Amino acid sequence: MSQDEHPDRQRPDHAVTLADVRQLMGASTPHFALQLRNRIAKLIRRLPADHPARIEGEREIARLQQLGYDGELRGLAAEPSLPTLPSVTGQGSAPAPGAH
């Protein structure tokens, strides 16, 4: 995934909407979180503080920041047969390879 933007959103006369922000949010995974964070920040940077798309975008930027650095854990620690998966930074609680 690149940080290139859709041509329609790059037009100077494009009015940024909630749909624009939500379209970018749809692909958020730990692997792409920081790229998406940057794209949303660029998209909303000129919007007034009270604009709905900016408010939504700032919330999403915070979530993506956390997702990008902390990753995501899946599975429940209480299920021995399904250990949690490590985050992309290696800080998760999964056992080391071969420790099963």
N, C-alpha and C. Protein backbone atom coordinates (compact mmCIF):
# COMPACT_ATOMS: atom_id res chain seq x y z
N MET A 1 0.86 -1.17 0.00
CA MET A 1 0.00 0.00 0.00
C MET A 1 0.89 1.22 0.00
N SER A 2 0.63 2.13 -0.87
CA SER A 2 1.43 3.35 -0.92
C SER A 2 0.69 4.47 -0.20
N GLN A 3 1.34 5.59 -0.13
CA GLN A 3 0.69 6.75 0.47
C GLN A 3 0.13 7.67 -0.60
N ASP A 4 0.09 7.19 -1.84
CA ASP A 4 -0.53 7.96 -2.91
C ASP A 4 -2.02 8.05 -2.65
N GLU A 5 -2.59 9.11 -3.09
CA GLU A 5 -4.01 9.35 -2.84
C GLU A 5 -4.81 9.20 -4.13
N HIS A 6 -6.07 8.90 -3.96
CA HIS A 6 -6.99 8.81 -5.09
C HIS A 6 -7.03 10.17 -5.79
N PRO A 7 -6.96 10.20 -7.11
CA PRO A 7 -6.92 11.48 -7.83
C PRO A 7 -8.09 12.42 -7.50
N ASP A 8 -9.27 11.88 -7.29
CA ASP A 8 -10.42 12.74 -6.98
C ASP A 8 -10.22 13.50 -5.68
N ARG A 9 -9.57 12.86 -4.70
CA ARG A 9 -9.35 13.53 -3.42
C ARG A 9 -8.21 14.54 -3.48
N GLN A 10 -7.44 14.52 -4.54
CA GLN A 10 -6.33 15.46 -4.68
C GLN A 10 -6.73 16.76 -5.38
N ARG A 11 -7.92 16.77 -5.96
CA ARG A 11 -8.37 17.99 -6.65
C ARG A 11 -8.48 19.14 -5.65
N PRO A 12 -8.04 20.33 -6.00
CA PRO A 12 -8.13 21.47 -5.09
C PRO A 12 -9.56 21.80 -4.68
N ASP A 13 -10.53 21.51 -5.53
CA ASP A 13 -11.92 21.85 -5.22
C ASP A 13 -12.67 20.71 -4.54
N HIS A 14 -11.97 19.62 -4.20
CA HIS A 14 -12.64 18.48 -3.56
C HIS A 14 -13.02 18.84 -2.12
N ALA A 15 -14.29 18.65 -1.80
CA ALA A 15 -14.77 18.87 -0.43
C ALA A 15 -14.66 17.55 0.33
N VAL A 16 -13.77 17.51 1.32
CA VAL A 16 -13.54 16.29 2.10
C VAL A 16 -14.80 15.95 2.89
N THR A 17 -15.14 14.66 2.88
CA THR A 17 -16.35 14.20 3.57
C THR A 17 -16.00 13.09 4.56
N LEU A 18 -16.98 12.76 5.40
CA LEU A 18 -16.83 11.61 6.29
C LEU A 18 -16.59 10.34 5.48
N ALA A 19 -17.25 10.24 4.34
CA ALA A 19 -17.08 9.07 3.49
C ALA A 19 -15.63 8.92 3.03
N ASP A 20 -14.95 10.02 2.75
CA ASP A 20 -13.54 9.96 2.36
C ASP A 20 -12.70 9.36 3.48
N VAL A 21 -12.91 9.84 4.70
CA VAL A 21 -12.16 9.33 5.85
C VAL A 21 -12.49 7.86 6.07
N ARG A 22 -13.75 7.53 6.04
CA ARG A 22 -14.17 6.14 6.30
C ARG A 22 -13.67 5.18 5.22
N GLN A 23 -13.56 5.67 4.00
CA GLN A 23 -13.04 4.82 2.93
C GLN A 23 -11.60 4.44 3.22
N LEU A 24 -10.82 5.36 3.75
CA LEU A 24 -9.44 5.04 4.10
C LEU A 24 -9.37 4.14 5.33
N MET A 25 -10.28 4.32 6.26
CA MET A 25 -10.29 3.53 7.49
C MET A 25 -10.56 2.06 7.22
N GLY A 26 -11.27 1.76 6.16
CA GLY A 26 -11.71 0.40 5.90
C GLY A 26 -10.60 -0.61 5.76
N ALA A 27 -9.42 -0.20 5.37
CA ALA A 27 -8.32 -1.13 5.13
C ALA A 27 -7.32 -1.17 6.28
N SER A 28 -7.71 -0.74 7.45
CA SER A 28 -6.73 -0.62 8.52
C SER A 28 -6.36 -1.95 9.16
N THR A 29 -5.09 -2.28 9.02
CA THR A 29 -4.49 -3.44 9.66
C THR A 29 -3.17 -2.94 10.25
N PRO A 30 -2.57 -3.69 11.17
CA PRO A 30 -1.29 -3.23 11.73
C PRO A 30 -0.24 -2.94 10.66
N HIS A 31 -0.22 -3.74 9.61
CA HIS A 31 0.80 -3.57 8.57
C HIS A 31 0.67 -2.25 7.81
N PHE A 32 -0.55 -1.75 7.67
CA PHE A 32 -0.77 -0.54 6.89
C PHE A 32 -1.20 0.65 7.74
N ALA A 33 -1.27 0.48 9.03
CA ALA A 33 -1.83 1.50 9.91
C ALA A 33 -1.12 2.85 9.80
N LEU A 34 0.18 2.86 9.79
CA LEU A 34 0.89 4.15 9.77
C LEU A 34 0.79 4.85 8.42
N GLN A 35 0.72 4.08 7.35
CA GLN A 35 0.52 4.69 6.04
C GLN A 35 -0.88 5.31 5.97
N LEU A 36 -1.87 4.59 6.48
CA LEU A 36 -3.24 5.12 6.48
C LEU A 36 -3.34 6.35 7.38
N ARG A 37 -2.66 6.31 8.53
CA ARG A 37 -2.64 7.47 9.43
C ARG A 37 -2.15 8.70 8.67
N ASN A 38 -1.07 8.55 7.91
CA ASN A 38 -0.51 9.68 7.16
C ASN A 38 -1.47 10.18 6.09
N ARG A 39 -2.13 9.25 5.41
CA ARG A 39 -3.08 9.65 4.36
C ARG A 39 -4.26 10.41 4.94
N ILE A 40 -4.77 9.95 6.08
CA ILE A 40 -5.90 10.64 6.72
C ILE A 40 -5.46 12.01 7.22
N ALA A 41 -4.28 12.09 7.82
CA ALA A 41 -3.78 13.38 8.30
C ALA A 41 -3.66 14.39 7.16
N LYS A 42 -3.16 13.93 6.03
CA LYS A 42 -3.03 14.80 4.86
C LYS A 42 -4.40 15.23 4.35
N LEU A 43 -5.34 14.30 4.35
CA LEU A 43 -6.69 14.57 3.86
C LEU A 43 -7.41 15.64 4.69
N ILE A 44 -7.24 15.60 6.01
CA ILE A 44 -8.02 16.49 6.89
C ILE A 44 -7.27 17.73 7.35
N ARG A 45 -6.02 17.89 6.97
CA ARG A 45 -5.19 18.96 7.55
C ARG A 45 -5.74 20.37 7.36
N ARG A 46 -6.48 20.62 6.31
CA ARG A 46 -6.98 21.97 6.05
C ARG A 46 -8.42 22.19 6.54
N LEU A 47 -9.01 21.16 7.11
CA LEU A 47 -10.40 21.28 7.59
C LEU A 47 -10.44 22.02 8.92
N PRO A 48 -11.51 22.76 9.17
CA PRO A 48 -11.65 23.41 10.48
C PRO A 48 -11.79 22.37 11.59
N ALA A 49 -11.42 22.74 12.80
CA ALA A 49 -11.42 21.81 13.94
C ALA A 49 -12.78 21.17 14.20
N ASP A 50 -13.85 21.87 13.87
CA ASP A 50 -15.19 21.33 14.17
C ASP A 50 -15.82 20.58 12.98
N HIS A 51 -15.08 20.40 11.91
CA HIS A 51 -15.61 19.68 10.74
C HIS A 51 -15.76 18.20 11.09
N PRO A 52 -16.91 17.58 10.78
CA PRO A 52 -17.13 16.17 11.11
C PRO A 52 -16.06 15.23 10.57
N ALA A 53 -15.57 15.48 9.37
CA ALA A 53 -14.54 14.61 8.79
C ALA A 53 -13.23 14.76 9.55
N ARG A 54 -12.94 15.96 10.03
CA ARG A 54 -11.70 16.16 10.81
C ARG A 54 -11.81 15.47 12.16
N ILE A 55 -12.95 15.60 12.80
CA ILE A 55 -13.16 14.96 14.11
C ILE A 55 -13.00 13.44 13.97
N GLU A 56 -13.68 12.88 12.99
CA GLU A 56 -13.58 11.43 12.75
C GLU A 56 -12.15 11.05 12.37
N GLY A 57 -11.53 11.85 11.55
CA GLY A 57 -10.16 11.57 11.12
C GLY A 57 -9.18 11.60 12.27
N GLU A 58 -9.31 12.55 13.18
CA GLU A 58 -8.41 12.63 14.33
C GLU A 58 -8.59 11.43 15.26
N ARG A 59 -9.83 10.99 15.43
CA ARG A 59 -10.07 9.78 16.23
C ARG A 59 -9.40 8.57 15.57
N GLU A 60 -9.55 8.49 14.26
CA GLU A 60 -8.97 7.36 13.54
C GLU A 60 -7.45 7.42 13.55
N ILE A 61 -6.88 8.60 13.46
CA ILE A 61 -5.42 8.75 13.52
C ILE A 61 -4.90 8.20 14.84
N ALA A 62 -5.56 8.51 15.94
CA ALA A 62 -5.14 8.00 17.25
C ALA A 62 -5.23 6.48 17.29
N ARG A 63 -6.30 5.91 16.74
CA ARG A 63 -6.47 4.46 16.72
C ARG A 63 -5.40 3.80 15.85
N LEU A 64 -5.14 4.40 14.69
CA LEU A 64 -4.13 3.84 13.79
C LEU A 64 -2.73 3.94 14.38
N GLN A 65 -2.46 5.01 15.09
CA GLN A 65 -1.16 5.17 15.75
C GLN A 65 -0.94 4.01 16.73
N GLN A 66 -1.95 3.74 17.53
CA GLN A 66 -1.85 2.64 18.49
C GLN A 66 -1.73 1.29 17.77
N LEU A 67 -2.55 1.09 16.76
CA LEU A 67 -2.53 -0.16 16.00
C LEU A 67 -1.17 -0.38 15.34
N GLY A 68 -0.61 0.68 14.79
CA GLY A 68 0.67 0.58 14.10
C GLY A 68 1.83 0.25 15.02
N TYR A 69 1.81 0.77 16.24
CA TYR A 69 2.91 0.53 17.16
C TYR A 69 2.68 -0.65 18.09
N ASP A 70 1.45 -0.89 18.48
CA ASP A 70 1.16 -1.97 19.41
C ASP A 70 0.69 -3.24 18.72
N GLY A 71 0.24 -3.13 17.47
CA GLY A 71 -0.28 -4.29 16.76
C GLY A 71 -1.63 -4.67 17.32
N GLU A 72 -2.00 -5.89 17.09
CA GLU A 72 -3.27 -6.37 17.62
C GLU A 72 -3.05 -7.78 18.15
N LEU A 73 -3.75 -8.09 19.18
CA LEU A 73 -3.70 -9.43 19.73
C LEU A 73 -4.99 -10.13 19.37
N ARG A 74 -4.88 -11.37 18.96
CA ARG A 74 -6.07 -12.14 18.62
C ARG A 74 -6.07 -13.42 19.42
N GLY A 75 -7.25 -13.91 19.70
CA GLY A 75 -7.36 -15.08 20.56
C GLY A 75 -7.40 -14.61 22.01
N LEU A 76 -7.74 -15.50 22.88
CA LEU A 76 -7.82 -15.17 24.29
C LEU A 76 -6.74 -15.92 25.04
N ALA A 77 -6.08 -15.24 25.95
CA ALA A 77 -5.03 -15.89 26.72
C ALA A 77 -5.59 -17.05 27.54
N ALA A 78 -6.86 -17.00 27.88
CA ALA A 78 -7.49 -18.05 28.68
C ALA A 78 -7.74 -19.33 27.89
N GLU A 79 -7.50 -19.33 26.60
CA GLU A 79 -7.71 -20.51 25.75
C GLU A 79 -6.34 -21.11 25.42
N PRO A 80 -5.89 -22.10 26.16
CA PRO A 80 -4.54 -22.65 25.93
C PRO A 80 -4.32 -23.14 24.50
N SER A 81 -5.36 -23.62 23.86
CA SER A 81 -5.19 -24.12 22.50
C SER A 81 -5.14 -23.02 21.46
N LEU A 82 -5.41 -21.78 21.86
CA LEU A 82 -5.41 -20.66 20.94
C LEU A 82 -4.65 -19.49 21.56
N PRO A 83 -3.31 -19.56 21.55
CA PRO A 83 -2.54 -18.47 22.17
C PRO A 83 -2.71 -17.17 21.40
N THR A 84 -2.53 -16.07 22.08
CA THR A 84 -2.61 -14.78 21.41
C THR A 84 -1.47 -14.68 20.41
N LEU A 85 -1.69 -13.91 19.37
CA LEU A 85 -0.66 -13.68 18.37
C LEU A 85 0.13 -12.44 18.75
N PRO A 86 1.42 -12.42 18.44
CA PRO A 86 2.21 -11.25 18.80
C PRO A 86 1.84 -10.04 17.94
N SER A 87 2.15 -8.88 18.46
CA SER A 87 1.95 -7.67 17.68
C SER A 87 3.03 -7.60 16.61
N VAL A 88 2.91 -6.66 15.71
CA VAL A 88 3.90 -6.51 14.66
C VAL A 88 5.24 -6.02 15.22
N THR A 89 5.25 -5.49 16.44
CA THR A 89 6.48 -5.03 17.06
C THR A 89 7.13 -6.09 17.92
N GLY A 90 6.49 -7.28 18.01
CA GLY A 90 7.06 -8.35 18.81
C GLY A 90 6.77 -8.23 20.29
N GLN A 91 5.86 -7.36 20.68
CA GLN A 91 5.56 -7.15 22.09
C GLN A 91 4.37 -7.96 22.56
N GLY A 92 3.81 -8.81 21.72
CA GLY A 92 2.61 -9.58 22.08
C GLY A 92 2.94 -10.65 23.10
N SER A 93 1.94 -11.43 23.46
CA SER A 93 2.13 -12.43 24.51
C SER A 93 2.15 -13.85 23.97
N ALA A 94 2.42 -14.03 22.71
CA ALA A 94 2.48 -15.38 22.15
C ALA A 94 3.77 -16.06 22.62
N PRO A 95 3.73 -17.37 22.75
CA PRO A 95 4.93 -18.08 23.15
C PRO A 95 5.99 -18.01 22.05
N ALA A 96 7.22 -18.17 22.45
CA ALA A 96 8.31 -18.18 21.47
C ALA A 96 8.16 -19.39 20.58
N PRO A 97 8.65 -19.33 19.34
CA PRO A 97 8.57 -20.49 18.44
C PRO A 97 9.17 -21.72 19.10
N GLY A 98 8.48 -22.85 19.01
CA GLY A 98 8.95 -24.09 19.58
C GLY A 98 8.65 -24.26 21.06
N ALA A 99 7.95 -23.28 21.67
CA ALA A 99 7.66 -23.33 23.10
C ALA A 99 6.31 -23.95 23.40
N HIS A 100 5.68 -24.56 22.44
CA HIS A 100 4.34 -25.13 22.63
C HIS A 100 4.44 -26.28 23.54
